[in-house]
Amino acid sequence: MIEIDMIGFILCTLAIWRLAYLLSQEDGPFDIVFTFRKLLGQGFFGSLLDCFHCLTLWLAIPFAFFLCNGWKVCAMDGKRESSHGLHYPVEHVCFLM
């Protein structure tokens, strides 16, 4: 079983939610985020920035890596390998917010 610091989990979840909301819904200070979204256009990354749920998934991966102290711990569930990493619970908590 992966042991996670609950305060770290909550802080990472709030950070992911804030970053995803900033990138998908807000213009940012001095319209920096708006300009960035406009620069990416209608391609894959431009569409990715329009979808809040997609952003939470992609932003949760590095935070899960941080919480687990490495990718091997994130990919393992005790001694057996698991196909689900820690980024899924972090992402789903963002959905609930």
PDB file of N, CA and C in Angstrom:
ATOM      1  N   MET A   1       0.843  -1.180   0.000  1.00  0.00           N
ATOM      2  CA  MET A   1       0.000   0.000   0.000  1.00  0.00           C
ATOM      3  C   MET A   1       0.885   1.239   0.000  1.00  0.00           C
ATOM      4  N   ILE A   2       0.489   2.229  -0.754  1.00  0.00           N
ATOM      5  CA  ILE A   2       1.241   3.478  -0.819  1.00  0.00           C
ATOM      6  C   ILE A   2       0.830   4.352   0.355  1.00  0.00           C
ATOM      7  N   GLU A   3       1.809   4.821   1.096  1.00  0.00           N
ATOM      8  CA  GLU A   3       1.526   5.720   2.212  1.00  0.00           C
ATOM      9  C   GLU A   3       1.719   7.155   1.732  1.00  0.00           C
ATOM     10  N   ILE A   4       0.689   7.967   1.942  1.00  0.00           N
ATOM     11  CA  ILE A   4       0.692   9.338   1.450  1.00  0.00           C
ATOM     12  C   ILE A   4       0.404  10.280   2.613  1.00  0.00           C
ATOM     13  N   ASP A   5       1.121  11.372   2.640  1.00  0.00           N
ATOM     14  CA  ASP A   5       0.853  12.426   3.607  1.00  0.00           C
ATOM     15  C   ASP A   5      -0.449  13.121   3.220  1.00  0.00           C
ATOM     16  N   MET A   6      -1.435  13.108   4.111  1.00  0.00           N
ATOM     17  CA  MET A   6      -2.756  13.649   3.784  1.00  0.00           C
ATOM     18  C   MET A   6      -2.709  15.151   3.528  1.00  0.00           C
ATOM     19  N   ILE A   7      -1.902  15.885   4.273  1.00  0.00           N
ATOM     20  CA  ILE A   7      -1.798  17.331   4.045  1.00  0.00           C
ATOM     21  C   ILE A   7      -1.177  17.601   2.675  1.00  0.00           C
ATOM     22  N   GLY A   8      -0.158  16.828   2.315  1.00  0.00           N
ATOM     23  CA  GLY A   8       0.441  16.966   0.990  1.00  0.00           C
ATOM     24  C   GLY A   8      -0.551  16.644  -0.114  1.00  0.00           C
ATOM     25  N   PHE A   9      -1.366  15.619   0.100  1.00  0.00           N
ATOM     26  CA  PHE A   9      -2.397  15.240  -0.866  1.00  0.00           C
ATOM     27  C   PHE A   9      -3.397  16.374  -1.070  1.00  0.00           C
ATOM     28  N   ILE A  10      -3.848  16.964   0.031  1.00  0.00           N
ATOM     29  CA  ILE A  10      -4.814  18.066  -0.050  1.00  0.00           C
ATOM     30  C   ILE A  10      -4.192  19.282  -0.727  1.00  0.00           C
ATOM     31  N   LEU A  11      -2.963  19.616  -0.371  1.00  0.00           N
ATOM     32  CA  LEU A  11      -2.299  20.771  -0.985  1.00  0.00           C
ATOM     33  C   LEU A  11      -2.066  20.551  -2.477  1.00  0.00           C
ATOM     34  N   CYS A  12      -1.664  19.351  -2.857  1.00  0.00           N
ATOM     35  CA  CYS A  12      -1.466  19.061  -4.278  1.00  0.00           C
ATOM     36  C   CYS A  12      -2.784  19.120  -5.036  1.00  0.00           C
ATOM     37  N   THR A  13      -3.853  18.621  -4.428  1.00  0.00           N
ATOM     38  CA  THR A  13      -5.160  18.674  -5.064  1.00  0.00           C
ATOM     39  C   THR A  13      -5.603  20.115  -5.280  1.00  0.00           C
ATOM     40  N   LEU A  14      -5.422  20.957  -4.274  1.00  0.00           N
ATOM     41  CA  LEU A  14      -5.791  22.370  -4.423  1.00  0.00           C
ATOM     42  C   LEU A  14      -4.928  23.067  -5.473  1.00  0.00           C
ATOM     43  N   ALA A  15      -3.649  22.739  -5.518  1.00  0.00           N
ATOM     44  CA  ALA A  15      -2.763  23.342  -6.513  1.00  0.00           C
ATOM     45  C   ALA A  15      -3.157  22.921  -7.929  1.00  0.00           C
ATOM     46  N   ILE A  16      -3.502  21.650  -8.110  1.00  0.00           N
ATOM     47  CA  ILE A  16      -3.927  21.170  -9.425  1.00  0.00           C
ATOM     48  C   ILE A  16      -5.217  21.856  -9.847  1.00  0.00           C
ATOM     49  N   TRP A  17      -6.165  21.935  -8.916  1.00  0.00           N
ATOM     50  CA  TRP A  17      -7.432  22.588  -9.240  1.00  0.00           C
ATOM     51  C   TRP A  17      -7.204  24.048  -9.642  1.00  0.00           C
ATOM     52  N   ARG A  18      -6.352  24.749  -8.897  1.00  0.00           N
ATOM     53  CA  ARG A  18      -6.102  26.170  -9.187  1.00  0.00           C
ATOM     54  C   ARG A  18      -5.403  26.348 -10.526  1.00  0.00           C
ATOM     55  N   LEU A  19      -4.386  25.536 -10.798  1.00  0.00           N
ATOM     56  CA  LEU A  19      -3.684  25.648 -12.078  1.00  0.00           C
ATOM     57  C   LEU A  19      -4.591  25.304 -13.255  1.00  0.00           C
ATOM     58  N   ALA A  20      -5.394  24.249 -13.109  1.00  0.00           N
ATOM     59  CA  ALA A  20      -6.301  23.865 -14.189  1.00  0.00           C
ATOM     60  C   ALA A  20      -7.336  24.949 -14.438  1.00  0.00           C
ATOM     61  N   TYR A  21      -7.860  25.532 -13.381  1.00  0.00           N
ATOM     62  CA  TYR A  21      -8.844  26.596 -13.543  1.00  0.00           C
ATOM     63  C   TYR A  21      -8.210  27.828 -14.186  1.00  0.00           C
ATOM     64  N   LEU A  22      -7.000  28.171 -13.765  1.00  0.00           N
ATOM     65  CA  LEU A  22      -6.301  29.321 -14.348  1.00  0.00           C
ATOM     66  C   LEU A  22      -6.059  29.111 -15.840  1.00  0.00           C
ATOM     67  N   LEU A  23      -5.564  27.928 -16.202  1.00  0.00           N
ATOM     68  CA  LEU A  23      -5.230  27.689 -17.601  1.00  0.00           C
ATOM     69  C   LEU A  23      -6.446  27.530 -18.493  1.00  0.00           C
ATOM     70  N   SER A  24      -7.550  27.028 -17.955  1.00  0.00           N
ATOM     71  CA  SER A  24      -8.711  26.777 -18.819  1.00  0.00           C
ATOM     72  C   SER A  24      -9.754  27.888 -18.805  1.00  0.00           C
ATOM     73  N   GLN A  25      -9.870  28.648 -17.720  1.00  0.00           N
ATOM     74  CA  GLN A  25     -10.983  29.588 -17.597  1.00  0.00           C
ATOM     75  C   GLN A  25     -10.585  31.054 -17.475  1.00  0.00           C
ATOM     76  N   GLU A  26      -9.398  31.348 -17.021  1.00  0.00           N
ATOM     77  CA  GLU A  26      -9.024  32.735 -16.739  1.00  0.00           C
ATOM     78  C   GLU A  26      -8.041  33.263 -17.770  1.00  0.00           C
ATOM     79  N   ASP A  27      -7.920  34.583 -17.821  1.00  0.00           N
ATOM     80  CA  ASP A  27      -6.975  35.221 -18.733  1.00  0.00           C
ATOM     81  C   ASP A  27      -5.607  35.429 -18.107  1.00  0.00           C
ATOM     82  N   GLY A  28      -5.539  35.374 -16.792  1.00  0.00           N
ATOM     83  CA  GLY A  28      -4.270  35.542 -16.107  1.00  0.00           C
ATOM     84  C   GLY A  28      -3.881  37.001 -15.978  1.00  0.00           C
ATOM     85  N   PRO A  29      -2.843  37.264 -15.229  1.00  0.00           N
ATOM     86  CA  PRO A  29      -2.386  38.649 -15.090  1.00  0.00           C
ATOM     87  C   PRO A  29      -1.788  39.142 -16.411  1.00  0.00           C
ATOM     88  N   PHE A  30      -2.183  40.339 -16.793  1.00  0.00           N
ATOM     89  CA  PHE A  30      -1.708  40.970 -18.024  1.00  0.00           C
ATOM     90  C   PHE A  30      -2.030  40.121 -19.259  1.00  0.00           C
ATOM     91  N   ASP A  31      -3.082  39.316 -19.180  1.00  0.00           N
ATOM     92  CA  ASP A  31      -3.542  38.452 -20.289  1.00  0.00           C
ATOM     93  C   ASP A  31      -2.464  37.474 -20.776  1.00  0.00           C
ATOM     94  N   ILE A  32      -1.596  37.046 -19.878  1.00  0.00           N
ATOM     95  CA  ILE A  32      -0.532  36.115 -20.253  1.00  0.00           C
ATOM     96  C   ILE A  32      -1.110  34.764 -20.663  1.00  0.00           C
ATOM     97  N   VAL A  33      -2.041  34.236 -19.880  1.00  0.00           N
ATOM     98  CA  VAL A  33      -2.620  32.924 -20.181  1.00  0.00           C
ATOM     99  C   VAL A  33      -3.466  33.000 -21.449  1.00  0.00           C
ATOM    100  N   PHE A  34      -4.195  34.097 -21.629  1.00  0.00           N
ATOM    101  CA  PHE A  34      -4.996  34.286 -22.840  1.00  0.00           C
ATOM    102  C   PHE A  34      -4.098  34.284 -24.072  1.00  0.00           C
ATOM    103  N   THR A  35      -2.987  34.979 -24.003  1.00  0.00           N
ATOM    104  CA  THR A  35      -2.041  35.029 -25.115  1.00  0.00           C
ATOM    105  C   THR A  35      -1.445  33.649 -25.374  1.00  0.00           C
ATOM    106  N   PHE A  36      -1.154  32.918 -24.316  1.00  0.00           N
ATOM    107  CA  PHE A  36      -0.609  31.570 -24.448  1.00  0.00           C
ATOM    108  C   PHE A  36      -1.619  30.642 -25.123  1.00  0.00           C
ATOM    109  N   ARG A  37      -2.888  30.711 -24.701  1.00  0.00           N
ATOM    110  CA  ARG A  37      -3.937  29.886 -25.323  1.00  0.00           C
ATOM    111  C   ARG A  37      -4.128  30.266 -26.784  1.00  0.00           C
ATOM    112  N   LYS A  38      -4.090  31.550 -27.071  1.00  0.00           N
ATOM    113  CA  LYS A  38      -4.244  32.036 -28.442  1.00  0.00           C
ATOM    114  C   LYS A  38      -3.082  31.571 -29.311  1.00  0.00           C
ATOM    115  N   LEU A  39      -1.881  31.550 -28.741  1.00  0.00           N
ATOM    116  CA  LEU A  39      -0.686  31.111 -29.458  1.00  0.00           C
ATOM    117  C   LEU A  39      -0.776  29.631 -29.836  1.00  0.00           C
ATOM    118  N   LEU A  40      -1.355  28.819 -28.959  1.00  0.00           N
ATOM    119  CA  LEU A  40      -1.466  27.388 -29.230  1.00  0.00           C
ATOM    120  C   LEU A  40      -2.550  27.069 -30.255  1.00  0.00           C
ATOM    121  N   GLY A  41      -3.510  27.955 -30.411  1.00  0.00           N
ATOM    122  CA  GLY A  41      -4.519  27.807 -31.450  1.00  0.00           C
ATOM    123  C   GLY A  41      -5.481  26.662 -31.224  1.00  0.00           C
ATOM    124  N   GLN A  42      -5.908  26.038 -32.330  1.00  0.00           N
ATOM    125  CA  GLN A  42      -6.917  24.981 -32.277  1.00  0.00           C
ATOM    126  C   GLN A  42      -6.318  23.582 -32.354  1.00  0.00           C
ATOM    127  N   GLY A  43      -5.018  23.447 -32.194  1.00  0.00           N
ATOM    128  CA  GLY A  43      -4.378  22.132 -32.245  1.00  0.00           C
ATOM    129  C   GLY A  43      -4.647  21.319 -30.990  1.00  0.00           C
ATOM    130  N   PHE A  44      -3.874  20.252 -30.819  1.00  0.00           N
ATOM    131  CA  PHE A  44      -4.051  19.364 -29.669  1.00  0.00           C
ATOM    132  C   PHE A  44      -3.877  20.109 -28.355  1.00  0.00           C
ATOM    133  N   PHE A  45      -2.800  20.865 -28.232  1.00  0.00           N
ATOM    134  CA  PHE A  45      -2.530  21.561 -26.974  1.00  0.00           C
ATOM    135  C   PHE A  45      -3.496  22.718 -26.738  1.00  0.00           C
ATOM    136  N   GLY A  46      -3.947  23.350 -27.795  1.00  0.00           N
ATOM    137  CA  GLY A  46      -4.959  24.389 -27.654  1.00  0.00           C
ATOM    138  C   GLY A  46      -6.278  23.821 -27.153  1.00  0.00           C
ATOM    139  N   SER A  47      -6.661  22.663 -27.685  1.00  0.00           N
ATOM    140  CA  SER A  47      -7.875  21.991 -27.215  1.00  0.00           C
ATOM    141  C   SER A  47      -7.718  21.494 -25.789  1.00  0.00           C
ATOM    142  N   LEU A  48      -6.511  21.075 -25.445  1.00  0.00           N
ATOM    143  CA  LEU A  48      -6.239  20.599 -24.088  1.00  0.00           C
ATOM    144  C   LEU A  48      -6.445  21.713 -23.068  1.00  0.00           C
ATOM    145  N   LEU A  49      -6.079  22.927 -23.422  1.00  0.00           N
ATOM    146  CA  LEU A  49      -6.242  24.047 -22.502  1.00  0.00           C
ATOM    147  C   LEU A  49      -7.694  24.492 -22.358  1.00  0.00           C
ATOM    148  N   ASP A  50      -8.553  24.060 -23.258  1.00  0.00           N
ATOM    149  CA  ASP A  50      -9.973  24.408 -23.156  1.00  0.00           C
ATOM    150  C   ASP A  50     -10.736  23.466 -22.234  1.00  0.00           C
ATOM    151  N   CYS A  51     -10.188  22.294 -21.966  1.00  0.00           N
ATOM    152  CA  CYS A  51     -10.892  21.260 -21.205  1.00  0.00           C
ATOM    153  C   CYS A  51     -10.347  21.185 -19.773  1.00  0.00           C
ATOM    154  N   PHE A  52     -11.179  21.577 -18.802  1.00  0.00           N
ATOM    155  CA  PHE A  52     -10.755  21.563 -17.402  1.00  0.00           C
ATOM    156  C   PHE A  52     -10.427  20.146 -16.937  1.00  0.00           C
ATOM    157  N   HIS A  53     -11.257  19.187 -17.301  1.00  0.00           N
ATOM    158  CA  HIS A  53     -11.046  17.809 -16.847  1.00  0.00           C
ATOM    159  C   HIS A  53      -9.786  17.193 -17.464  1.00  0.00           C
ATOM    160  N   CYS A  54      -9.503  17.523 -18.706  1.00  0.00           N
ATOM    161  CA  CYS A  54      -8.276  17.040 -19.344  1.00  0.00           C
ATOM    162  C   CYS A  54      -7.047  17.618 -18.651  1.00  0.00           C
ATOM    163  N   LEU A  55      -7.123  18.893 -18.317  1.00  0.00           N
ATOM    164  CA  LEU A  55      -6.002  19.545 -17.643  1.00  0.00           C
ATOM    165  C   LEU A  55      -5.733  18.942 -16.268  1.00  0.00           C
ATOM    166  N   THR A  56      -6.798  18.622 -15.528  1.00  0.00           N
ATOM    167  CA  THR A  56      -6.573  18.039 -14.200  1.00  0.00           C
ATOM    168  C   THR A  56      -5.876  16.694 -14.318  1.00  0.00           C
ATOM    169  N   LEU A  57      -6.205  15.915 -15.345  1.00  0.00           N
ATOM    170  CA  LEU A  57      -5.534  14.628 -15.540  1.00  0.00           C
ATOM    171  C   LEU A  57      -4.046  14.828 -15.812  1.00  0.00           C
ATOM    172  N   TRP A  58      -3.716  15.702 -16.752  1.00  0.00           N
ATOM    173  CA  TRP A  58      -2.316  15.897 -17.127  1.00  0.00           C
ATOM    174  C   TRP A  58      -1.515  16.614 -16.041  1.00  0.00           C
ATOM    175  N   LEU A  59      -2.149  17.521 -15.321  1.00  0.00           N
ATOM    176  CA  LEU A  59      -1.436  18.215 -14.247  1.00  0.00           C
ATOM    177  C   LEU A  59      -1.255  17.325 -13.014  1.00  0.00           C
ATOM    178  N   ALA A  60      -2.125  16.329 -12.836  1.00  0.00           N
ATOM    179  CA  ALA A  60      -2.036  15.460 -11.665  1.00  0.00           C
ATOM    180  C   ALA A  60      -0.837  14.512 -11.732  1.00  0.00           C
ATOM    181  N   ILE A  61      -0.358  14.198 -12.925  1.00  0.00           N
ATOM    182  CA  ILE A  61       0.728  13.228 -13.059  1.00  0.00           C
ATOM    183  C   ILE A  61       2.008  13.692 -12.367  1.00  0.00           C
ATOM    184  N   PRO A  62       2.513  14.925 -12.612  1.00  0.00           N
ATOM    185  CA  PRO A  62       3.732  15.322 -11.896  1.00  0.00           C
ATOM    186  C   PRO A  62       3.518  15.474 -10.388  1.00  0.00           C
ATOM    187  N   PHE A  63       2.322  15.886  -9.974  1.00  0.00           N
ATOM    188  CA  PHE A  63       2.058  16.004  -8.541  1.00  0.00           C
ATOM    189  C   PHE A  63       2.015  14.635  -7.878  1.00  0.00           C
ATOM    190  N   ALA A  64       1.476  13.634  -8.565  1.00  0.00           N
ATOM    191  CA  ALA A  64       1.464  12.268  -8.029  1.00  0.00           C
ATOM    192  C   ALA A  64       2.889  11.746  -7.913  1.00  0.00           C
ATOM    193  N   PHE A  65       3.735  12.066  -8.881  1.00  0.00           N
ATOM    194  CA  PHE A  65       5.144  11.700  -8.822  1.00  0.00           C
ATOM    195  C   PHE A  65       5.796  12.310  -7.588  1.00  0.00           C
ATOM    196  N   PHE A  66       5.462  13.570  -7.304  1.00  0.00           N
ATOM    197  CA  PHE A  66       5.991  14.262  -6.129  1.00  0.00           C
ATOM    198  C   PHE A  66       5.504  13.605  -4.836  1.00  0.00           C
ATOM    199  N   LEU A  67       4.227  13.251  -4.775  1.00  0.00           N
ATOM    200  CA  LEU A  67       3.674  12.638  -3.568  1.00  0.00           C
ATOM    201  C   LEU A  67       4.232  11.251  -3.302  1.00  0.00           C
ATOM    202  N   CYS A  68       4.549  10.513  -4.365  1.00  0.00           N
ATOM    203  CA  CYS A  68       4.999   9.124  -4.223  1.00  0.00           C
ATOM    204  C   CYS A  68       6.503   8.986  -4.026  1.00  0.00           C
ATOM    205  N   ASN A  69       7.250  10.043  -4.214  1.00  0.00           N
ATOM    206  CA  ASN A  69       8.708   9.995  -4.133  1.00  0.00           C
ATOM    207  C   ASN A  69       9.305   9.095  -5.209  1.00  0.00           C
ATOM    208  N   GLY A  70       8.798   9.175  -6.407  1.00  0.00           N
ATOM    209  CA  GLY A  70       9.359   8.424  -7.525  1.00  0.00           C
ATOM    210  C   GLY A  70       8.308   7.676  -8.301  1.00  0.00           C
ATOM    211  N   TRP A  71       8.633   7.342  -9.549  1.00  0.00           N
ATOM    212  CA  TRP A  71       7.657   6.689 -10.411  1.00  0.00           C
ATOM    213  C   TRP A  71       7.455   5.236 -10.059  1.00  0.00           C
ATOM    214  N   LYS A  72       8.468   4.568  -9.522  1.00  0.00           N
ATOM    215  CA  LYS A  72       8.309   3.152  -9.190  1.00  0.00           C
ATOM    216  C   LYS A  72       7.304   2.966  -8.061  1.00  0.00           C
ATOM    217  N   VAL A  73       7.299   3.876  -7.110  1.00  0.00           N
ATOM    218  CA  VAL A  73       6.344   3.780  -6.010  1.00  0.00           C
ATOM    219  C   VAL A  73       4.941   4.060  -6.507  1.00  0.00           C
ATOM    220  N   CYS A  74       4.800   5.003  -7.442  1.00  0.00           N
ATOM    221  CA  CYS A  74       3.476   5.331  -7.995  1.00  0.00           C
ATOM    222  C   CYS A  74       2.903   4.168  -8.793  1.00  0.00           C
ATOM    223  N   ALA A  75       3.769   3.421  -9.486  1.00  0.00           N
ATOM    224  CA  ALA A  75       3.298   2.334 -10.337  1.00  0.00           C
ATOM    225  C   ALA A  75       3.063   1.047  -9.562  1.00  0.00           C
ATOM    226  N   MET A  76       3.523   0.988  -8.338  1.00  0.00           N
ATOM    227  CA  MET A  76       3.387  -0.241  -7.549  1.00  0.00           C
ATOM    228  C   MET A  76       2.338  -0.056  -6.469  1.00  0.00           C
ATOM    229  N   ASP A  77       1.577  -1.080  -6.229  1.00  0.00           N
ATOM    230  CA  ASP A  77       0.610  -1.091  -5.147  1.00  0.00           C
ATOM    231  C   ASP A  77       1.068  -2.171  -4.177  1.00  0.00           C
ATOM    232  N   GLY A  78       1.905  -1.791  -3.231  1.00  0.00           N
ATOM    233  CA  GLY A  78       2.500  -2.788  -2.347  1.00  0.00           C
ATOM    234  C   GLY A  78       3.548  -3.554  -3.115  1.00  0.00           C
ATOM    235  N   LYS A  79       3.370  -4.873  -3.266  1.00  0.00           N
ATOM    236  CA  LYS A  79       4.344  -5.680  -4.000  1.00  0.00           C
ATOM    237  C   LYS A  79       3.861  -6.043  -5.398  1.00  0.00           C
ATOM    238  N   ARG A  80       2.611  -5.828  -5.692  1.00  0.00           N
ATOM    239  CA  ARG A  80       2.119  -6.169  -7.027  1.00  0.00           C
ATOM    240  C   ARG A  80       1.957  -4.901  -7.853  1.00  0.00           C
ATOM    241  N   GLU A  81       2.156  -5.035  -9.141  1.00  0.00           N
ATOM    242  CA  GLU A  81       2.026  -3.869 -10.018  1.00  0.00           C
ATOM    243  C   GLU A  81       0.558  -3.531 -10.211  1.00  0.00           C
ATOM    244  N   SER A  82       0.290  -2.255 -10.323  1.00  0.00           N
ATOM    245  CA  SER A  82      -1.071  -1.776 -10.521  1.00  0.00           C
ATOM    246  C   SER A  82      -1.105  -0.924 -11.781  1.00  0.00           C
ATOM    247  N   SER A  83      -2.180  -1.022 -12.534  1.00  0.00           N
ATOM    248  CA  SER A  83      -2.281  -0.211 -13.740  1.00  0.00           C
ATOM    249  C   SER A  83      -2.741   1.208 -13.420  1.00  0.00           C
ATOM    250  N   HIS A  84      -3.207   1.424 -12.212  1.00  0.00           N
ATOM    251  CA  HIS A  84      -3.682   2.747 -11.824  1.00  0.00           C
ATOM    252  C   HIS A  84      -2.643   3.425 -10.941  1.00  0.00           C
ATOM    253  N   GLY A  85      -2.243   4.609 -11.328  1.00  0.00           N
ATOM    254  CA  GLY A  85      -1.305   5.370 -10.523  1.00  0.00           C
ATOM    255  C   GLY A  85      -2.034   6.264  -9.540  1.00  0.00           C
ATOM    256  N   LEU A  86      -1.287   7.022  -8.790  1.00  0.00           N
ATOM    257  CA  LEU A  86      -1.864   7.922  -7.794  1.00  0.00           C
ATOM    258  C   LEU A  86      -2.522   9.129  -8.444  1.00  0.00           C
ATOM    259  N   HIS A  87      -2.194   9.426  -9.689  1.00  0.00           N
ATOM    260  CA  HIS A  87      -2.771  10.627 -10.303  1.00  0.00           C
ATOM    261  C   HIS A  87      -4.282  10.511 -10.489  1.00  0.00           C
ATOM    262  N   TYR A  88      -4.829   9.303 -10.554  1.00  0.00           N
ATOM    263  CA  TYR A  88      -6.280   9.172 -10.689  1.00  0.00           C
ATOM    264  C   TYR A  88      -7.037   9.657  -9.459  1.00  0.00           C
ATOM    265  N   PRO A  89      -6.654   9.272  -8.232  1.00  0.00           N
ATOM    266  CA  PRO A  89      -7.378   9.832  -7.082  1.00  0.00           C
ATOM    267  C   PRO A  89      -7.236  11.342  -6.963  1.00  0.00           C
ATOM    268  N   VAL A  90      -6.060  11.869  -7.267  1.00  0.00           N
ATOM    269  CA  VAL A  90      -5.852  13.317  -7.193  1.00  0.00           C
ATOM    270  C   VAL A  90      -6.739  14.018  -8.212  1.00  0.00           C
ATOM    271  N   GLU A  91      -6.812  13.452  -9.406  1.00  0.00           N
ATOM    272  CA  GLU A  91      -7.639  14.046 -10.458  1.00  0.00           C
ATOM    273  C   GLU A  91      -9.120  14.004 -10.080  1.00  0.00           C
ATOM    274  N   HIS A  92      -9.580  12.897  -9.527  1.00  0.00           N
ATOM    275  CA  HIS A  92     -11.004  12.771  -9.196  1.00  0.00           C
ATOM    276  C   HIS A  92     -11.418  13.703  -8.057  1.00  0.00           C
ATOM    277  N   VAL A  93     -10.524  13.977  -7.150  1.00  0.00           N
ATOM    278  CA  VAL A  93     -10.846  14.950  -6.100  1.00  0.00           C
ATOM    279  C   VAL A  93     -11.021  16.332  -6.724  1.00  0.00           C
ATOM    280  N   CYS A  94     -10.220  16.656  -7.744  1.00  0.00           N
ATOM    281  CA  CYS A  94     -10.382  17.932  -8.447  1.00  0.00           C
ATOM    282  C   CYS A  94     -11.733  18.007  -9.136  1.00  0.00           C
ATOM    283  N   PHE A  95     -12.224  16.881  -9.658  1.00  0.00           N
ATOM    284  CA  PHE A  95     -13.544  16.864 -10.285  1.00  0.00           C
ATOM    285  C   PHE A  95     -14.626  17.220  -9.293  1.00  0.00           C
ATOM    286  N   LEU A  96     -14.471  16.792  -8.052  1.00  0.00           N
ATOM    287  CA  LEU A  96     -15.494  17.015  -7.043  1.00  0.00           C
ATOM    288  C   LEU A  96     -15.540  18.454  -6.553  1.00  0.00           C
ATOM    289  N   MET A  97     -14.482  19.187  -6.779  1.00  0.00           N
ATOM    290  CA  MET A  97     -14.424  20.553  -6.257  1.00  0.00           C
ATOM    291  C   MET A  97     -15.252  21.489  -7.074  1.00  0.00           C
TER     292      MET A  97
END
